[in-house]
Amino acid sequence: MPQDTSLIRPEIAALADYNAGLALDRFRQVYGVEARAKLDSNENPLGPAPAAIAAMRDCAAGI
């Protein structure tokens, strides 16, 4: 399906496509590792940073 890209800023249009990483089978072949934790791009095994929590609380207090 054709897309209208006339509204997209050139800086955004020039960004590289999303790379989801290696599939599990390919990851095993390349690195020889059987188990791994697969996190999506927006996940962090440590949770949000304390500064991020404070910023969210500050913003929420004004709602």
PDB file of N, CA and C in Angstrom:
ATOM      1  N   MET A   1       0.843  -1.167   0.000  1.00  0.00           N
ATOM      2  CA  MET A   1       0.000   0.000   0.000  1.00  0.00           C
ATOM      3  C   MET A   1       0.896   1.241   0.000  1.00  0.00           C
ATOM      4  N   PRO A   2       0.672   2.173  -0.913  1.00  0.00           N
ATOM      5  CA  PRO A   2       1.483   3.389  -0.946  1.00  0.00           C
ATOM      6  C   PRO A   2       1.238   4.245   0.290  1.00  0.00           C
ATOM      7  N   GLN A   3       2.278   4.940   0.704  1.00  0.00           N
ATOM      8  CA  GLN A   3       2.163   5.804   1.876  1.00  0.00           C
ATOM      9  C   GLN A   3       2.485   7.235   1.486  1.00  0.00           C
ATOM     10  N   ASP A   4       1.731   8.175   2.046  1.00  0.00           N
ATOM     11  CA  ASP A   4       2.007   9.590   1.827  1.00  0.00           C
ATOM     12  C   ASP A   4       3.064  10.018   2.828  1.00  0.00           C
ATOM     13  N   THR A   5       4.248  10.316   2.353  1.00  0.00           N
ATOM     14  CA  THR A   5       5.342  10.702   3.240  1.00  0.00           C
ATOM     15  C   THR A   5       5.588  12.207   3.222  1.00  0.00           C
ATOM     16  N   SER A   6       4.688  12.966   2.616  1.00  0.00           N
ATOM     17  CA  SER A   6       4.912  14.406   2.483  1.00  0.00           C
ATOM     18  C   SER A   6       4.906  15.130   3.824  1.00  0.00           C
ATOM     19  N   LEU A   7       4.309  14.565   4.841  1.00  0.00           N
ATOM     20  CA  LEU A   7       4.243  15.217   6.149  1.00  0.00           C
ATOM     21  C   LEU A   7       5.381  14.807   7.079  1.00  0.00           C
ATOM     22  N   ILE A   8       6.217  13.881   6.643  1.00  0.00           N
ATOM     23  CA  ILE A   8       7.304  13.384   7.492  1.00  0.00           C
ATOM     24  C   ILE A   8       8.526  14.281   7.325  1.00  0.00           C
ATOM     25  N   ARG A   9       9.042  14.767   8.440  1.00  0.00           N
ATOM     26  CA  ARG A   9      10.252  15.591   8.396  1.00  0.00           C
ATOM     27  C   ARG A   9      11.410  14.767   7.842  1.00  0.00           C
ATOM     28  N   PRO A  10      12.308  15.380   7.080  1.00  0.00           N
ATOM     29  CA  PRO A  10      13.444  14.652   6.495  1.00  0.00           C
ATOM     30  C   PRO A  10      14.302  13.948   7.546  1.00  0.00           C
ATOM     31  N   GLU A  11      14.466  14.571   8.726  1.00  0.00           N
ATOM     32  CA  GLU A  11      15.274  13.953   9.786  1.00  0.00           C
ATOM     33  C   GLU A  11      14.667  12.631  10.241  1.00  0.00           C
ATOM     34  N   ILE A  12      13.354  12.576  10.274  1.00  0.00           N
ATOM     35  CA  ILE A  12      12.658  11.350  10.684  1.00  0.00           C
ATOM     36  C   ILE A  12      12.709  10.322   9.556  1.00  0.00           C
ATOM     37  N   ALA A  13      12.475  10.764   8.344  1.00  0.00           N
ATOM     38  CA  ALA A  13      12.496   9.851   7.191  1.00  0.00           C
ATOM     39  C   ALA A  13      13.866   9.213   7.014  1.00  0.00           C
ATOM     40  N   ALA A  14      14.922   9.900   7.445  1.00  0.00           N
ATOM     41  CA  ALA A  14      16.284   9.387   7.270  1.00  0.00           C
ATOM     42  C   ALA A  14      16.688   8.370   8.332  1.00  0.00           C
ATOM     43  N   LEU A  15      15.866   8.191   9.365  1.00  0.00           N
ATOM     44  CA  LEU A  15      16.207   7.225  10.415  1.00  0.00           C
ATOM     45  C   LEU A  15      16.219   5.806   9.859  1.00  0.00           C
ATOM     46  N   ALA A  16      17.103   4.988  10.389  1.00  0.00           N
ATOM     47  CA  ALA A  16      17.180   3.584   9.966  1.00  0.00           C
ATOM     48  C   ALA A  16      15.945   2.821  10.437  1.00  0.00           C
ATOM     49  N   ASP A  17      15.590   1.774   9.715  1.00  0.00           N
ATOM     50  CA  ASP A  17      14.481   0.913  10.123  1.00  0.00           C
ATOM     51  C   ASP A  17      14.802   0.230  11.441  1.00  0.00           C
ATOM     52  N   TYR A  18      13.760  -0.147  12.171  1.00  0.00           N
ATOM     53  CA  TYR A  18      13.918  -0.847  13.443  1.00  0.00           C
ATOM     54  C   TYR A  18      14.562  -2.207  13.212  1.00  0.00           C
ATOM     55  N   ASN A  19      15.543  -2.557  14.041  1.00  0.00           N
ATOM     56  CA  ASN A  19      16.207  -3.855  13.977  1.00  0.00           C
ATOM     57  C   ASN A  19      15.825  -4.626  15.236  1.00  0.00           C
ATOM     58  N   ALA A  20      15.045  -5.669  15.069  1.00  0.00           N
ATOM     59  CA  ALA A  20      14.554  -6.433  16.214  1.00  0.00           C
ATOM     60  C   ALA A  20      15.589  -7.391  16.787  1.00  0.00           C
ATOM     61  N   GLY A  21      16.736  -7.502  16.173  1.00  0.00           N
ATOM     62  CA  GLY A  21      17.765  -8.411  16.673  1.00  0.00           C
ATOM     63  C   GLY A  21      17.629  -9.793  16.069  1.00  0.00           C
ATOM     64  N   LEU A  22      18.470 -10.691  16.545  1.00  0.00           N
ATOM     65  CA  LEU A  22      18.501 -12.046  16.001  1.00  0.00           C
ATOM     66  C   LEU A  22      17.357 -12.892  16.552  1.00  0.00           C
ATOM     67  N   ALA A  23      16.825 -13.758  15.709  1.00  0.00           N
ATOM     68  CA  ALA A  23      15.856 -14.750  16.166  1.00  0.00           C
ATOM     69  C   ALA A  23      16.580 -15.719  17.101  1.00  0.00           C
ATOM     70  N   LEU A  24      15.842 -16.371  17.978  1.00  0.00           N
ATOM     71  CA  LEU A  24      16.443 -17.244  18.984  1.00  0.00           C
ATOM     72  C   LEU A  24      17.338 -18.316  18.361  1.00  0.00           C
ATOM     73  N   ASP A  25      16.880 -18.976  17.306  1.00  0.00           N
ATOM     74  CA  ASP A  25      17.693 -20.025  16.674  1.00  0.00           C
ATOM     75  C   ASP A  25      19.006 -19.462  16.134  1.00  0.00           C
ATOM     76  N   ARG A  26      18.939 -18.321  15.485  1.00  0.00           N
ATOM     77  CA  ARG A  26      20.154 -17.705  14.934  1.00  0.00           C
ATOM     78  C   ARG A  26      21.068 -17.240  16.061  1.00  0.00           C
ATOM     79  N   PHE A  27      20.508 -16.716  17.134  1.00  0.00           N
ATOM     80  CA  PHE A  27      21.283 -16.290  18.298  1.00  0.00           C
ATOM     81  C   PHE A  27      22.072 -17.466  18.867  1.00  0.00           C
ATOM     82  N   ARG A  28      21.412 -18.619  18.981  1.00  0.00           N
ATOM     83  CA  ARG A  28      22.086 -19.829  19.482  1.00  0.00           C
ATOM     84  C   ARG A  28      23.239 -20.236  18.567  1.00  0.00           C
ATOM     85  N   GLN A  29      23.008 -20.174  17.249  1.00  0.00           N
ATOM     86  CA  GLN A  29      24.064 -20.534  16.294  1.00  0.00           C
ATOM     87  C   GLN A  29      25.260 -19.595  16.405  1.00  0.00           C
ATOM     88  N   VAL A  30      24.994 -18.321  16.473  1.00  0.00           N
ATOM     89  CA  VAL A  30      26.064 -17.321  16.468  1.00  0.00           C
ATOM     90  C   VAL A  30      26.843 -17.325  17.771  1.00  0.00           C
ATOM     91  N   TYR A  31      26.133 -17.385  18.905  1.00  0.00           N
ATOM     92  CA  TYR A  31      26.793 -17.211  20.199  1.00  0.00           C
ATOM     93  C   TYR A  31      26.944 -18.492  21.012  1.00  0.00           C
ATOM     94  N   GLY A  32      26.316 -19.584  20.578  1.00  0.00           N
ATOM     95  CA  GLY A  32      26.431 -20.848  21.294  1.00  0.00           C
ATOM     96  C   GLY A  32      25.815 -20.821  22.679  1.00  0.00           C
ATOM     97  N   VAL A  33      24.804 -20.002  22.847  1.00  0.00           N
ATOM     98  CA  VAL A  33      24.139 -19.855  24.147  1.00  0.00           C
ATOM     99  C   VAL A  33      22.748 -20.463  24.044  1.00  0.00           C
ATOM    100  N   GLU A  34      22.391 -21.314  25.004  1.00  0.00           N
ATOM    101  CA  GLU A  34      21.082 -21.964  24.969  1.00  0.00           C
ATOM    102  C   GLU A  34      19.971 -21.083  25.528  1.00  0.00           C
ATOM    103  N   ALA A  35      20.249 -20.374  26.593  1.00  0.00           N
ATOM    104  CA  ALA A  35      19.203 -19.581  27.241  1.00  0.00           C
ATOM    105  C   ALA A  35      19.557 -18.101  27.176  1.00  0.00           C
ATOM    106  N   ARG A  36      18.543 -17.289  27.063  1.00  0.00           N
ATOM    107  CA  ARG A  36      18.748 -15.842  27.096  1.00  0.00           C
ATOM    108  C   ARG A  36      17.456 -15.180  27.548  1.00  0.00           C
ATOM    109  N   ALA A  37      17.580 -13.983  28.029  1.00  0.00           N
ATOM    110  CA  ALA A  37      16.413 -13.169  28.372  1.00  0.00           C
ATOM    111  C   ALA A  37      16.188 -12.216  27.213  1.00  0.00           C
ATOM    112  N   LYS A  38      15.055 -12.334  26.562  1.00  0.00           N
ATOM    113  CA  LYS A  38      14.746 -11.473  25.415  1.00  0.00           C
ATOM    114  C   LYS A  38      13.907 -10.307  25.902  1.00  0.00           C
ATOM    115  N   LEU A  39      14.493  -9.131  25.884  1.00  0.00           N
ATOM    116  CA  LEU A  39      13.773  -7.926  26.257  1.00  0.00           C
ATOM    117  C   LEU A  39      13.433  -7.143  25.002  1.00  0.00           C
ATOM    118  N   ASP A  40      12.254  -6.560  24.985  1.00  0.00           N
ATOM    119  CA  ASP A  40      11.915  -5.682  23.874  1.00  0.00           C
ATOM    120  C   ASP A  40      12.650  -4.363  24.046  1.00  0.00           C
ATOM    121  N   SER A  41      12.583  -3.531  23.055  1.00  0.00           N
ATOM    122  CA  SER A  41      13.373  -2.301  23.043  1.00  0.00           C
ATOM    123  C   SER A  41      13.051  -1.361  24.191  1.00  0.00           C
ATOM    124  N   ASN A  42      11.852  -1.441  24.723  1.00  0.00           N
ATOM    125  CA  ASN A  42      11.484  -0.509  25.785  1.00  0.00           C
ATOM    126  C   ASN A  42      11.542  -1.148  27.170  1.00  0.00           C
ATOM    127  N   GLU A  43      12.130  -2.312  27.300  1.00  0.00           N
ATOM    128  CA  GLU A  43      12.200  -2.994  28.588  1.00  0.00           C
ATOM    129  C   GLU A  43      13.596  -2.901  29.184  1.00  0.00           C
ATOM    130  N   ASN A  44      13.635  -2.925  30.501  1.00  0.00           N
ATOM    131  CA  ASN A  44      14.883  -2.809  31.237  1.00  0.00           C
ATOM    132  C   ASN A  44      14.808  -3.789  32.402  1.00  0.00           C
ATOM    133  N   PRO A  45      15.758  -4.691  32.548  1.00  0.00           N
ATOM    134  CA  PRO A  45      15.683  -5.669  33.637  1.00  0.00           C
ATOM    135  C   PRO A  45      15.816  -5.033  35.017  1.00  0.00           C
ATOM    136  N   LEU A  46      16.245  -3.782  35.087  1.00  0.00           N
ATOM    137  CA  LEU A  46      16.437  -3.109  36.373  1.00  0.00           C
ATOM    138  C   LEU A  46      15.262  -2.222  36.759  1.00  0.00           C
ATOM    139  N   GLY A  47      14.276  -2.093  35.884  1.00  0.00           N
ATOM    140  CA  GLY A  47      13.160  -1.201  36.168  1.00  0.00           C
ATOM    141  C   GLY A  47      13.533   0.240  35.879  1.00  0.00           C
ATOM    142  N   PRO A  48      12.603   1.159  36.144  1.00  0.00           N
ATOM    143  CA  PRO A  48      12.882   2.562  35.846  1.00  0.00           C
ATOM    144  C   PRO A  48      13.941   3.144  36.769  1.00  0.00           C
ATOM    145  N   ALA A  49      14.681   4.101  36.259  1.00  0.00           N
ATOM    146  CA  ALA A  49      15.702   4.785  37.049  1.00  0.00           C
ATOM    147  C   ALA A  49      15.028   5.634  38.127  1.00  0.00           C
ATOM    148  N   PRO A  50      15.663   5.794  39.276  1.00  0.00           N
ATOM    149  CA  PRO A  50      15.081   6.634  40.329  1.00  0.00           C
ATOM    150  C   PRO A  50      14.729   8.043  39.839  1.00  0.00           C
ATOM    151  N   ALA A  51      15.550   8.616  38.978  1.00  0.00           N
ATOM    152  CA  ALA A  51      15.245   9.951  38.449  1.00  0.00           C
ATOM    153  C   ALA A  51      13.974   9.931  37.600  1.00  0.00           C
ATOM    154  N   ALA A  52      13.745   8.842  36.871  1.00  0.00           N
ATOM    155  CA  ALA A  52      12.530   8.726  36.064  1.00  0.00           C
ATOM    156  C   ALA A  52      11.305   8.604  36.962  1.00  0.00           C
ATOM    157  N   ILE A  53      11.421   7.844  38.030  1.00  0.00           N
ATOM    158  CA  ILE A  53      10.307   7.710  38.976  1.00  0.00           C
ATOM    159  C   ILE A  53       9.984   9.067  39.590  1.00  0.00           C
ATOM    160  N   ALA A  54      11.010   9.805  40.000  1.00  0.00           N
ATOM    161  CA  ALA A  54      10.799  11.128  40.595  1.00  0.00           C
ATOM    162  C   ALA A  54      10.135  12.071  39.595  1.00  0.00           C
ATOM    163  N   ALA A  55      10.575  12.031  38.339  1.00  0.00           N
ATOM    164  CA  ALA A  55       9.988  12.894  37.314  1.00  0.00           C
ATOM    165  C   ALA A  55       8.524  12.552  37.086  1.00  0.00           C
ATOM    166  N   MET A  56       8.186  11.255  37.067  1.00  0.00           N
ATOM    167  CA  MET A  56       6.789  10.848  36.891  1.00  0.00           C
ATOM    168  C   MET A  56       5.940  11.306  38.070  1.00  0.00           C
ATOM    169  N   ARG A  57       6.474  11.187  39.281  1.00  0.00           N
ATOM    170  CA  ARG A  57       5.733  11.637  40.468  1.00  0.00           C
ATOM    171  C   ARG A  57       5.505  13.145  40.423  1.00  0.00           C
ATOM    172  N   ASP A  58       6.531  13.886  40.033  1.00  0.00           N
ATOM    173  CA  ASP A  58       6.398  15.342  39.938  1.00  0.00           C
ATOM    174  C   ASP A  58       5.322  15.729  38.927  1.00  0.00           C
ATOM    175  N   CYS A  59       5.325  15.059  37.787  1.00  0.00           N
ATOM    176  CA  CYS A  59       4.321  15.353  36.761  1.00  0.00           C
ATOM    177  C   CYS A  59       2.925  14.949  37.217  1.00  0.00           C
ATOM    178  N   ALA A  60       2.819  13.793  37.849  1.00  0.00           N
ATOM    179  CA  ALA A  60       1.514  13.301  38.295  1.00  0.00           C
ATOM    180  C   ALA A  60       0.925  14.199  39.380  1.00  0.00           C
ATOM    181  N   ALA A  61       1.781  14.827  40.166  1.00  0.00           N
ATOM    182  CA  ALA A  61       1.294  15.701  41.238  1.00  0.00           C
ATOM    183  C   ALA A  61       0.565  16.915  40.674  1.00  0.00           C
ATOM    184  N   GLY A  62       0.889  17.284  39.443  1.00  0.00           N
ATOM    185  CA  GLY A  62       0.257  18.445  38.837  1.00  0.00           C
ATOM    186  C   GLY A  62      -0.994  18.133  38.040  1.00  0.00           C
ATOM    187  N   ILE A  63      -1.439  16.901  38.071  1.00  0.00           N
ATOM    188  CA  ILE A  63      -2.630  16.513  37.289  1.00  0.00           C
ATOM    189  C   ILE A  63      -3.873  16.697  38.129  1.00  0.00           C
TER     190      ILE A  63
END
